[in-house]
């Protein structure tokens, strides 16, 4: 499953999206409950802010197959876990 994390760029007041691919679950509910995608999405804010020098706020989650949006970044689930939890995860 692929999902889009929806963030708000606070300075420009626009929505931006980050794609997470190859998540080992079937529904967004499973990814939030079993894989802690919400907590990790908040942790990804630090990486995005240091990379882009902007302030972001996590707004929501969207199933990528129903929404074709331009993204500011795309990460595999493994890379996403490494960015948000470190190499030990």
N, C-alpha and C. Protein backbone atom coordinates (compact mmCIF):
# COMPACT_ATOMS: atom_id res chain seq x y z
N UNK A 1 0.84 -1.18 0.00
CA UNK A 1 0.00 0.00 0.00
C UNK A 1 0.88 1.24 0.00
N UNK A 2 0.46 2.26 -0.70
CA UNK A 2 1.14 3.55 -0.72
C UNK A 2 0.21 4.60 -0.13
N UNK A 3 0.78 5.49 0.68
CA UNK A 3 -0.02 6.58 1.23
C UNK A 3 0.69 7.91 1.00
N UNK A 4 -0.09 8.97 1.09
CA UNK A 4 0.45 10.32 1.05
C UNK A 4 0.28 10.94 2.42
N UNK A 5 1.34 11.49 2.95
CA UNK A 5 1.25 12.27 4.18
C UNK A 5 1.04 13.71 3.75
N UNK A 6 0.03 14.32 4.31
CA UNK A 6 -0.34 15.69 3.95
C UNK A 6 0.19 16.64 5.02
N UNK A 7 0.99 17.60 4.60
CA UNK A 7 1.56 18.59 5.51
C UNK A 7 1.12 19.98 5.09
N UNK A 8 1.12 20.90 6.05
CA UNK A 8 0.85 22.30 5.77
C UNK A 8 2.17 23.06 5.88
N UNK A 9 2.55 23.74 4.81
CA UNK A 9 3.70 24.63 4.85
C UNK A 9 3.21 25.91 5.54
N UNK A 10 3.64 26.12 6.77
CA UNK A 10 3.07 27.18 7.60
C UNK A 10 3.35 28.57 7.03
N UNK A 11 4.55 28.78 6.52
CA UNK A 11 4.91 30.10 6.02
C UNK A 11 4.12 30.47 4.75
N UNK A 12 4.02 29.53 3.81
CA UNK A 12 3.31 29.80 2.55
C UNK A 12 1.82 29.50 2.63
N UNK A 13 1.39 28.80 3.69
CA UNK A 13 0.00 28.40 3.88
C UNK A 13 -0.52 27.59 2.69
N UNK A 14 0.29 26.60 2.27
CA UNK A 14 -0.10 25.68 1.20
C UNK A 14 0.10 24.25 1.67
N UNK A 15 -0.64 23.34 1.06
CA UNK A 15 -0.50 21.92 1.39
C UNK A 15 0.58 21.30 0.53
N UNK A 16 1.38 20.42 1.14
CA UNK A 16 2.38 19.65 0.40
C UNK A 16 2.20 18.19 0.79
N UNK A 17 2.68 17.30 -0.06
CA UNK A 17 2.48 15.88 0.15
C UNK A 17 3.80 15.13 0.07
N UNK A 18 3.93 14.10 0.91
CA UNK A 18 5.08 13.20 0.89
C UNK A 18 4.54 11.79 0.70
N UNK A 19 5.08 11.08 -0.29
CA UNK A 19 4.63 9.72 -0.58
C UNK A 19 5.45 8.71 0.21
N UNK A 20 4.77 7.74 0.80
CA UNK A 20 5.40 6.60 1.47
C UNK A 20 4.93 5.36 0.72
N UNK A 21 5.87 4.61 0.16
CA UNK A 21 5.52 3.47 -0.69
C UNK A 21 5.83 2.15 0.00
N UNK A 22 5.17 1.12 -0.46
CA UNK A 22 5.41 -0.26 -0.02
C UNK A 22 5.18 -0.46 1.48
N UNK A 23 4.11 0.12 2.00
CA UNK A 23 3.76 -0.08 3.41
C UNK A 23 3.12 -1.46 3.54
N UNK A 24 3.58 -2.27 4.50
CA UNK A 24 3.08 -3.65 4.62
C UNK A 24 1.74 -3.75 5.34
N UNK A 25 0.70 -3.14 4.78
CA UNK A 25 -0.64 -3.24 5.33
C UNK A 25 -1.64 -2.98 4.21
N UNK A 26 -2.93 -3.10 4.53
CA UNK A 26 -3.96 -3.00 3.50
C UNK A 26 -4.74 -1.68 3.60
N UNK A 27 -4.93 -1.14 4.80
CA UNK A 27 -5.73 0.07 4.98
C UNK A 27 -4.93 1.13 5.73
N UNK A 28 -5.38 2.37 5.59
CA UNK A 28 -4.74 3.46 6.33
C UNK A 28 -4.92 3.25 7.83
N UNK A 29 -6.08 2.76 8.23
CA UNK A 29 -6.32 2.48 9.65
C UNK A 29 -5.27 1.52 10.20
N UNK A 30 -4.96 0.46 9.48
CA UNK A 30 -3.93 -0.49 9.93
C UNK A 30 -2.57 0.19 10.03
N UNK A 31 -2.24 1.06 9.09
CA UNK A 31 -0.94 1.72 9.14
C UNK A 31 -0.83 2.66 10.32
N UNK A 32 -1.93 3.31 10.68
CA UNK A 32 -1.91 4.22 11.83
C UNK A 32 -1.86 3.43 13.14
N UNK A 33 -2.68 2.38 13.24
CA UNK A 33 -2.77 1.62 14.48
C UNK A 33 -1.57 0.70 14.71
N UNK A 34 -1.21 -0.10 13.69
CA UNK A 34 -0.17 -1.12 13.88
C UNK A 34 1.24 -0.64 13.60
N UNK A 35 1.41 0.31 12.72
CA UNK A 35 2.75 0.73 12.30
C UNK A 35 3.15 2.11 12.80
N UNK A 36 2.30 2.75 13.57
CA UNK A 36 2.56 4.07 14.14
C UNK A 36 2.96 5.10 13.08
N UNK A 37 2.25 5.08 11.94
CA UNK A 37 2.54 6.03 10.87
C UNK A 37 2.32 7.47 11.34
N UNK A 38 1.34 7.71 12.19
CA UNK A 38 1.08 9.07 12.68
C UNK A 38 2.27 9.60 13.47
N UNK A 39 2.79 8.80 14.39
CA UNK A 39 3.95 9.24 15.17
C UNK A 39 5.17 9.45 14.29
N UNK A 40 5.36 8.54 13.35
CA UNK A 40 6.51 8.66 12.45
C UNK A 40 6.35 9.82 11.49
N UNK A 41 5.11 10.11 11.09
CA UNK A 41 4.85 11.27 10.24
C UNK A 41 5.21 12.57 10.94
N UNK A 42 4.94 12.63 12.23
CA UNK A 42 5.33 13.81 13.01
C UNK A 42 6.85 13.89 13.13
N UNK A 43 7.50 12.74 13.31
CA UNK A 43 8.96 12.72 13.38
C UNK A 43 9.61 13.13 12.06
N UNK A 44 8.94 12.87 10.95
CA UNK A 44 9.48 13.25 9.64
C UNK A 44 9.51 14.76 9.46
N UNK A 45 8.73 15.49 10.23
CA UNK A 45 8.73 16.95 10.15
C UNK A 45 10.14 17.50 10.39
N UNK A 46 10.88 16.94 11.32
CA UNK A 46 12.24 17.40 11.59
C UNK A 46 13.12 17.27 10.35
N UNK A 47 13.03 16.15 9.67
CA UNK A 47 13.82 15.93 8.45
C UNK A 47 13.41 16.92 7.36
N UNK A 48 12.11 17.11 7.16
CA UNK A 48 11.64 18.03 6.13
C UNK A 48 12.05 19.48 6.42
N UNK A 49 11.95 19.87 7.69
CA UNK A 49 12.31 21.24 8.05
C UNK A 49 13.79 21.50 7.87
N UNK A 50 14.64 20.53 8.20
CA UNK A 50 16.07 20.73 8.03
C UNK A 50 16.45 20.70 6.55
N UNK A 51 15.73 19.92 5.76
CA UNK A 51 16.02 19.82 4.33
C UNK A 51 15.55 21.05 3.56
N UNK A 52 14.35 21.53 3.86
CA UNK A 52 13.73 22.60 3.09
C UNK A 52 13.81 23.98 3.75
N UNK A 53 14.21 24.05 5.01
CA UNK A 53 14.27 25.30 5.77
C UNK A 53 12.91 25.99 5.81
N UNK A 54 11.87 25.19 6.04
CA UNK A 54 10.50 25.68 6.18
C UNK A 54 9.86 24.99 7.38
N UNK A 55 8.79 25.55 7.88
CA UNK A 55 8.05 24.96 9.00
C UNK A 55 6.86 24.19 8.45
N UNK A 56 6.72 22.93 8.87
CA UNK A 56 5.63 22.07 8.42
C UNK A 56 4.80 21.59 9.60
N UNK A 57 3.55 21.27 9.30
CA UNK A 57 2.61 20.74 10.29
C UNK A 57 1.87 19.57 9.64
N UNK A 58 1.88 18.39 10.30
CA UNK A 58 1.20 17.22 9.76
C UNK A 58 -0.31 17.43 9.83
N UNK A 59 -0.98 17.24 8.68
CA UNK A 59 -2.42 17.49 8.60
C UNK A 59 -3.22 16.21 8.43
N UNK A 60 -2.75 15.27 7.59
CA UNK A 60 -3.57 14.09 7.35
C UNK A 60 -2.88 13.01 6.54
N UNK A 61 -3.65 11.96 6.26
CA UNK A 61 -3.19 10.78 5.53
C UNK A 61 -4.17 10.50 4.40
N UNK A 62 -3.64 10.16 3.23
CA UNK A 62 -4.49 9.89 2.07
C UNK A 62 -3.98 8.62 1.40
N UNK A 63 -4.90 7.76 0.99
CA UNK A 63 -4.54 6.58 0.21
C UNK A 63 -4.08 7.06 -1.17
N UNK A 64 -2.86 6.71 -1.56
CA UNK A 64 -2.27 7.25 -2.79
C UNK A 64 -2.99 6.79 -4.05
N UNK A 65 -3.68 5.65 -4.01
CA UNK A 65 -4.34 5.21 -5.24
C UNK A 65 -5.58 6.04 -5.56
N UNK A 66 -6.09 6.79 -4.60
CA UNK A 66 -7.27 7.64 -4.83
C UNK A 66 -6.91 9.10 -5.04
N UNK A 67 -5.64 9.43 -4.95
CA UNK A 67 -5.24 10.84 -5.02
C UNK A 67 -3.93 10.95 -5.78
N UNK A 68 -3.94 11.65 -6.88
CA UNK A 68 -2.75 11.82 -7.69
C UNK A 68 -2.22 13.24 -7.49
N UNK A 69 -1.44 13.43 -6.45
CA UNK A 69 -0.91 14.75 -6.13
C UNK A 69 0.60 14.80 -6.37
N UNK A 70 1.10 15.97 -6.67
CA UNK A 70 2.54 16.16 -6.80
C UNK A 70 3.15 16.15 -5.40
N UNK A 71 4.25 15.44 -5.24
CA UNK A 71 4.86 15.29 -3.91
C UNK A 71 6.18 16.05 -3.84
N UNK A 72 6.56 16.44 -2.62
CA UNK A 72 7.86 17.07 -2.42
C UNK A 72 8.92 16.03 -2.06
N UNK A 73 8.48 14.80 -1.85
CA UNK A 73 9.41 13.72 -1.56
C UNK A 73 8.70 12.39 -1.59
N UNK A 74 9.46 11.35 -1.87
CA UNK A 74 8.91 9.99 -1.89
C UNK A 74 9.91 9.07 -1.20
N UNK A 75 9.43 8.31 -0.24
CA UNK A 75 10.28 7.40 0.52
C UNK A 75 9.67 6.02 0.52
N UNK A 76 10.50 5.00 0.45
CA UNK A 76 10.00 3.65 0.68
C UNK A 76 9.72 3.52 2.17
N UNK A 77 8.94 2.53 2.55
CA UNK A 77 8.63 2.36 3.97
C UNK A 77 9.89 2.13 4.78
N UNK A 78 10.85 1.37 4.25
CA UNK A 78 12.11 1.12 4.97
C UNK A 78 12.89 2.40 5.19
N UNK A 79 13.01 3.23 4.16
CA UNK A 79 13.72 4.51 4.30
C UNK A 79 12.99 5.43 5.27
N UNK A 80 11.67 5.43 5.19
CA UNK A 80 10.85 6.24 6.10
C UNK A 80 11.12 5.84 7.55
N UNK A 81 11.19 4.54 7.83
CA UNK A 81 11.47 4.07 9.19
C UNK A 81 12.87 4.48 9.64
N UNK A 82 13.84 4.41 8.75
CA UNK A 82 15.21 4.82 9.10
C UNK A 82 15.28 6.31 9.40
N UNK A 83 14.57 7.12 8.61
CA UNK A 83 14.59 8.57 8.84
C UNK A 83 13.92 8.95 10.15
N UNK A 84 12.87 8.25 10.51
CA UNK A 84 12.09 8.64 11.68
C UNK A 84 12.49 7.93 12.96
N UNK A 85 13.13 6.77 12.86
CA UNK A 85 13.46 6.00 14.07
C UNK A 85 14.94 5.71 14.22
N UNK A 86 15.73 5.96 13.21
CA UNK A 86 17.15 5.67 13.28
C UNK A 86 17.45 4.30 12.69
N UNK A 87 18.72 3.96 12.66
CA UNK A 87 19.16 2.73 12.01
C UNK A 87 18.84 1.47 12.79
N UNK A 88 18.58 1.59 14.08
CA UNK A 88 18.34 0.41 14.91
C UNK A 88 16.98 -0.23 14.72
N UNK A 89 16.07 0.43 14.03
CA UNK A 89 14.70 -0.09 13.87
C UNK A 89 14.62 -1.07 12.74
